[in-house]
Amino acid sequence: MPYRPNKMMQADAQRAINYNESATPSQRWGTRTGRVRAGQIARGELLSPDIIVRMFSFLSRSKANYERYVGADKKGKGYYAYLGWGGPSAIGWAEDKIARMKKAGEL
């Protein structure tokens, strides 16, 4: 079953998109996949189980890149990439959706 991202995830993804629009090319974050994902999340599109699993995977392994810049005056690409994938609220959201899908036999 697909799920819609929450408002916090949408706001974080939009912040990452806005940053890329104003940054010089060498300072922009993300792969094509990451930027596409940010757009989907920012628009509040329904996300498939496969996308949710990939989101959880990315957010889990990239959390340290985000946390390194929390509270810093200057943010790095890893910070904005993390926001692009839904930000800190997305990891718990994705974990919850994965557990629901497993319980329902969808994964």
N, C-alpha and C. Protein backbone atom coordinates (compact mmCIF):
# COMPACT_ATOMS: atom_id res chain seq x y z
N MET A 1 0.84 -1.18 0.00
CA MET A 1 0.00 0.00 0.00
C MET A 1 0.89 1.24 0.00
N PRO A 2 0.63 2.17 -0.86
CA PRO A 2 1.41 3.42 -0.84
C PRO A 2 0.98 4.33 0.31
N TYR A 3 1.89 5.16 0.75
CA TYR A 3 1.62 6.10 1.84
C TYR A 3 2.06 7.50 1.41
N ARG A 4 1.39 8.49 1.97
CA ARG A 4 1.70 9.89 1.69
C ARG A 4 2.63 10.44 2.77
N PRO A 5 3.68 11.19 2.39
CA PRO A 5 4.58 11.76 3.38
C PRO A 5 3.86 12.79 4.26
N ASN A 6 4.35 12.93 5.50
CA ASN A 6 3.72 13.91 6.40
C ASN A 6 4.20 15.33 6.08
N LYS A 7 3.58 16.31 6.71
CA LYS A 7 3.88 17.72 6.43
C LYS A 7 5.32 18.10 6.79
N MET A 8 5.86 17.53 7.86
CA MET A 8 7.24 17.83 8.24
C MET A 8 8.21 17.33 7.17
N MET A 9 7.96 16.14 6.66
CA MET A 9 8.79 15.59 5.59
C MET A 9 8.71 16.47 4.35
N GLN A 10 7.50 16.89 4.01
CA GLN A 10 7.30 17.75 2.85
C GLN A 10 8.07 19.06 3.01
N ALA A 11 7.99 19.66 4.19
CA ALA A 11 8.68 20.94 4.43
C ALA A 11 10.19 20.77 4.35
N ASP A 12 10.73 19.69 4.90
CA ASP A 12 12.18 19.45 4.84
C ASP A 12 12.63 19.24 3.40
N ALA A 13 11.88 18.45 2.65
CA ALA A 13 12.24 18.21 1.25
C ALA A 13 12.21 19.51 0.45
N GLN A 14 11.22 20.35 0.73
CA GLN A 14 11.13 21.62 0.03
C GLN A 14 12.30 22.54 0.40
N ARG A 15 12.72 22.51 1.65
CA ARG A 15 13.90 23.30 2.06
C ARG A 15 15.13 22.87 1.28
N ALA A 16 15.29 21.57 1.09
CA ALA A 16 16.43 21.07 0.33
C ALA A 16 16.35 21.49 -1.14
N ILE A 17 15.16 21.43 -1.70
CA ILE A 17 14.95 21.87 -3.09
C ILE A 17 15.27 23.36 -3.21
N ASN A 18 14.77 24.15 -2.28
CA ASN A 18 15.01 25.60 -2.31
C ASN A 18 16.50 25.91 -2.22
N TYR A 19 17.21 25.16 -1.38
CA TYR A 19 18.65 25.36 -1.26
C TYR A 19 19.33 25.13 -2.60
N ASN A 20 19.00 24.03 -3.27
CA ASN A 20 19.63 23.72 -4.56
C ASN A 20 19.34 24.79 -5.60
N GLU A 21 18.15 25.37 -5.54
CA GLU A 21 17.80 26.39 -6.52
C GLU A 21 18.61 27.66 -6.34
N SER A 22 19.09 27.91 -5.11
CA SER A 22 19.85 29.14 -4.85
C SER A 22 21.36 28.91 -4.78
N ALA A 23 21.79 27.66 -4.69
CA ALA A 23 23.22 27.35 -4.54
C ALA A 23 23.94 27.34 -5.89
N THR A 24 25.24 27.60 -5.84
CA THR A 24 26.05 27.46 -7.05
C THR A 24 26.12 25.97 -7.39
N PRO A 25 26.34 25.62 -8.65
CA PRO A 25 26.35 24.20 -9.04
C PRO A 25 27.28 23.33 -8.19
N SER A 26 28.43 23.84 -7.81
CA SER A 26 29.37 23.02 -7.03
C SER A 26 28.91 22.79 -5.60
N GLN A 27 27.95 23.57 -5.13
CA GLN A 27 27.46 23.44 -3.76
C GLN A 27 26.14 22.69 -3.66
N ARG A 28 25.57 22.28 -4.79
CA ARG A 28 24.28 21.57 -4.78
C ARG A 28 24.45 20.15 -4.28
N TRP A 29 23.43 19.66 -3.64
CA TRP A 29 23.44 18.31 -3.09
C TRP A 29 22.72 17.38 -4.05
N GLY A 30 22.97 16.10 -3.88
CA GLY A 30 22.12 15.05 -4.41
C GLY A 30 22.42 14.49 -5.77
N THR A 31 22.03 13.23 -5.89
CA THR A 31 22.02 12.53 -7.17
C THR A 31 20.69 12.82 -7.83
N ARG A 32 20.56 12.40 -9.06
CA ARG A 32 19.27 12.57 -9.75
C ARG A 32 18.17 11.87 -8.96
N THR A 33 18.43 10.68 -8.48
CA THR A 33 17.43 9.94 -7.70
C THR A 33 17.04 10.71 -6.45
N GLY A 34 18.00 11.25 -5.75
CA GLY A 34 17.71 12.01 -4.54
C GLY A 34 16.88 13.25 -4.82
N ARG A 35 17.19 13.94 -5.91
CA ARG A 35 16.43 15.15 -6.25
C ARG A 35 15.00 14.80 -6.69
N VAL A 36 14.85 13.69 -7.42
CA VAL A 36 13.51 13.24 -7.80
C VAL A 36 12.70 12.89 -6.55
N ARG A 37 13.36 12.17 -5.63
CA ARG A 37 12.68 11.79 -4.39
C ARG A 37 12.24 13.02 -3.61
N ALA A 38 13.11 14.02 -3.53
CA ALA A 38 12.76 15.26 -2.82
C ALA A 38 11.51 15.90 -3.43
N GLY A 39 11.43 15.91 -4.75
CA GLY A 39 10.26 16.47 -5.41
C GLY A 39 9.00 15.70 -5.09
N GLN A 40 9.09 14.37 -5.09
CA GLN A 40 7.93 13.54 -4.77
C GLN A 40 7.45 13.82 -3.34
N ILE A 41 8.41 13.88 -2.42
CA ILE A 41 8.06 14.10 -1.01
C ILE A 41 7.49 15.50 -0.84
N ALA A 42 8.13 16.51 -1.41
CA ALA A 42 7.67 17.90 -1.26
C ALA A 42 6.25 18.08 -1.80
N ARG A 43 5.94 17.39 -2.88
CA ARG A 43 4.59 17.49 -3.47
C ARG A 43 3.55 16.64 -2.74
N GLY A 44 3.99 15.82 -1.80
CA GLY A 44 3.06 14.98 -1.06
C GLY A 44 2.53 13.81 -1.86
N GLU A 45 3.33 13.32 -2.80
CA GLU A 45 2.89 12.19 -3.63
C GLU A 45 2.85 10.91 -2.80
N LEU A 46 2.02 9.98 -3.23
CA LEU A 46 2.00 8.66 -2.60
C LEU A 46 3.31 7.95 -2.90
N LEU A 47 3.86 7.30 -1.89
CA LEU A 47 5.14 6.61 -2.02
C LEU A 47 4.92 5.11 -1.91
N SER A 48 5.48 4.38 -2.86
CA SER A 48 5.31 2.93 -2.91
C SER A 48 6.13 2.25 -1.81
N PRO A 49 5.79 1.00 -1.50
CA PRO A 49 6.59 0.26 -0.51
C PRO A 49 8.07 0.22 -0.86
N ASP A 50 8.41 0.03 -2.13
CA ASP A 50 9.81 -0.03 -2.55
C ASP A 50 10.52 1.29 -2.25
N ILE A 51 9.87 2.40 -2.55
CA ILE A 51 10.46 3.72 -2.27
C ILE A 51 10.64 3.91 -0.78
N ILE A 52 9.67 3.51 0.01
CA ILE A 52 9.75 3.67 1.47
C ILE A 52 10.93 2.87 2.03
N VAL A 53 11.13 1.67 1.54
CA VAL A 53 12.27 0.86 1.98
C VAL A 53 13.58 1.53 1.59
N ARG A 54 13.66 2.08 0.38
CA ARG A 54 14.88 2.78 -0.05
C ARG A 54 15.10 4.05 0.77
N MET A 55 14.02 4.74 1.11
CA MET A 55 14.13 5.93 1.96
C MET A 55 14.74 5.56 3.31
N PHE A 56 14.21 4.51 3.92
CA PHE A 56 14.70 4.09 5.23
C PHE A 56 16.19 3.73 5.14
N SER A 57 16.56 3.04 4.10
CA SER A 57 17.95 2.65 3.92
C SER A 57 18.85 3.88 3.81
N PHE A 58 18.48 4.82 2.96
CA PHE A 58 19.29 6.03 2.79
C PHE A 58 19.37 6.82 4.09
N LEU A 59 18.23 7.04 4.72
CA LEU A 59 18.21 7.85 5.94
C LEU A 59 19.00 7.19 7.06
N SER A 60 18.95 5.88 7.16
CA SER A 60 19.69 5.16 8.20
C SER A 60 21.19 5.31 8.02
N ARG A 61 21.68 5.16 6.80
CA ARG A 61 23.12 5.21 6.60
C ARG A 61 23.65 6.64 6.48
N SER A 62 22.77 7.63 6.30
CA SER A 62 23.20 9.02 6.12
C SER A 62 22.94 9.91 7.33
N LYS A 63 22.43 9.34 8.38
CA LYS A 63 22.06 10.14 9.55
C LYS A 63 23.25 10.93 10.11
N ALA A 64 24.43 10.32 10.15
CA ALA A 64 25.61 11.01 10.69
C ALA A 64 25.97 12.24 9.86
N ASN A 65 25.79 12.17 8.54
CA ASN A 65 26.06 13.33 7.68
C ASN A 65 25.15 14.49 8.03
N TYR A 66 23.92 14.20 8.35
CA TYR A 66 22.96 15.23 8.75
C TYR A 66 23.31 15.79 10.13
N GLU A 67 23.52 14.89 11.08
CA GLU A 67 23.75 15.31 12.46
C GLU A 67 25.03 16.14 12.62
N ARG A 68 26.01 15.91 11.77
CA ARG A 68 27.26 16.66 11.84
C ARG A 68 27.02 18.16 11.64
N TYR A 69 25.97 18.53 10.89
CA TYR A 69 25.71 19.93 10.57
C TYR A 69 24.58 20.57 11.39
N VAL A 70 23.88 19.79 12.19
CA VAL A 70 22.81 20.36 13.02
C VAL A 70 23.43 21.37 13.97
N GLY A 71 22.91 22.57 13.97
CA GLY A 71 23.43 23.62 14.84
C GLY A 71 24.60 24.40 14.25
N ALA A 72 25.15 23.93 13.15
CA ALA A 72 26.27 24.64 12.52
C ALA A 72 25.74 25.80 11.69
N ASP A 73 26.54 26.86 11.58
CA ASP A 73 26.15 28.01 10.77
C ASP A 73 26.10 27.66 9.29
N LYS A 74 27.10 26.90 8.85
CA LYS A 74 27.17 26.51 7.45
C LYS A 74 26.82 25.04 7.33
N LYS A 75 25.87 24.74 6.47
CA LYS A 75 25.41 23.36 6.26
C LYS A 75 26.12 22.75 5.07
N GLY A 76 26.34 21.45 5.11
CA GLY A 76 26.97 20.74 4.01
C GLY A 76 25.96 20.03 3.13
N LYS A 77 26.46 19.45 2.05
CA LYS A 77 25.60 18.74 1.10
C LYS A 77 24.88 17.57 1.76
N GLY A 78 25.55 16.88 2.67
CA GLY A 78 24.93 15.75 3.36
C GLY A 78 23.71 16.17 4.17
N TYR A 79 23.77 17.34 4.73
CA TYR A 79 22.64 17.88 5.51
C TYR A 79 21.42 18.05 4.60
N TYR A 80 21.64 18.70 3.45
CA TYR A 80 20.52 18.95 2.55
C TYR A 80 20.04 17.67 1.86
N ALA A 81 20.94 16.75 1.58
CA ALA A 81 20.52 15.47 1.00
C ALA A 81 19.58 14.75 1.97
N TYR A 82 19.93 14.78 3.26
CA TYR A 82 19.09 14.13 4.27
C TYR A 82 17.71 14.78 4.30
N LEU A 83 17.68 16.12 4.24
CA LEU A 83 16.39 16.81 4.20
C LEU A 83 15.61 16.44 2.95
N GLY A 84 16.33 16.31 1.83
CA GLY A 84 15.66 15.97 0.57
C GLY A 84 14.93 14.64 0.62
N TRP A 85 15.45 13.72 1.42
CA TRP A 85 14.80 12.41 1.55
C TRP A 85 13.76 12.41 2.67
N GLY A 86 13.39 13.59 3.15
CA GLY A 86 12.32 13.70 4.13
C GLY A 86 12.76 14.17 5.50
N GLY A 87 14.06 14.24 5.74
CA GLY A 87 14.56 14.78 6.99
C GLY A 87 14.38 13.85 8.18
N PRO A 88 14.65 14.37 9.38
CA PRO A 88 14.66 13.52 10.58
C PRO A 88 13.32 12.85 10.89
N SER A 89 12.21 13.48 10.55
CA SER A 89 10.92 12.83 10.84
C SER A 89 10.64 11.65 9.90
N ALA A 90 11.34 11.60 8.78
CA ALA A 90 11.08 10.55 7.79
C ALA A 90 11.58 9.19 8.21
N ILE A 91 12.63 9.13 9.01
CA ILE A 91 13.18 7.82 9.36
C ILE A 91 12.20 7.04 10.23
N GLY A 92 11.62 7.69 11.23
CA GLY A 92 10.61 7.03 12.06
C GLY A 92 9.35 6.72 11.27
N TRP A 93 8.97 7.64 10.39
CA TRP A 93 7.79 7.45 9.53
C TRP A 93 7.99 6.21 8.66
N ALA A 94 9.17 6.13 8.01
CA ALA A 94 9.45 4.99 7.13
C ALA A 94 9.49 3.68 7.92
N GLU A 95 10.11 3.72 9.09
CA GLU A 95 10.18 2.52 9.92
C GLU A 95 8.78 2.03 10.31
N ASP A 96 7.90 2.96 10.65
CA ASP A 96 6.52 2.62 11.00
C ASP A 96 5.79 2.01 9.79
N LYS A 97 5.96 2.61 8.62
CA LYS A 97 5.26 2.11 7.43
C LYS A 97 5.79 0.72 7.04
N ILE A 98 7.09 0.50 7.18
CA ILE A 98 7.66 -0.81 6.87
C ILE A 98 7.09 -1.86 7.82
N ALA A 99 7.00 -1.53 9.10
CA ALA A 99 6.43 -2.48 10.08
C ALA A 99 4.97 -2.78 9.74
N ARG A 100 4.21 -1.76 9.35
CA ARG A 100 2.81 -1.98 8.97
C ARG A 100 2.69 -2.87 7.74
N MET A 101 3.55 -2.62 6.75
CA MET A 101 3.51 -3.41 5.52
C MET A 101 3.91 -4.85 5.79
N LYS A 102 4.89 -5.08 6.65
CA LYS A 102 5.29 -6.44 7.01
C LYS A 102 4.15 -7.17 7.73
N LYS A 103 3.51 -6.44 8.65
CA LYS A 103 2.40 -7.04 9.39
C LYS A 103 1.24 -7.42 8.46
N ALA A 104 1.03 -6.59 7.44
CA ALA A 104 -0.04 -6.85 6.47
C ALA A 104 0.38 -7.83 5.37
N GLY A 105 1.64 -8.29 5.40
CA GLY A 105 2.13 -9.22 4.39
C GLY A 105 2.42 -8.56 3.05
N GLU A 106 2.62 -7.25 3.06
CA GLU A 106 2.89 -6.52 1.83
C GLU A 106 4.38 -6.47 1.51
N LEU A 107 5.22 -6.84 2.44
CA LEU A 107 6.67 -6.89 2.22
C LEU A 107 7.19 -8.27 2.52
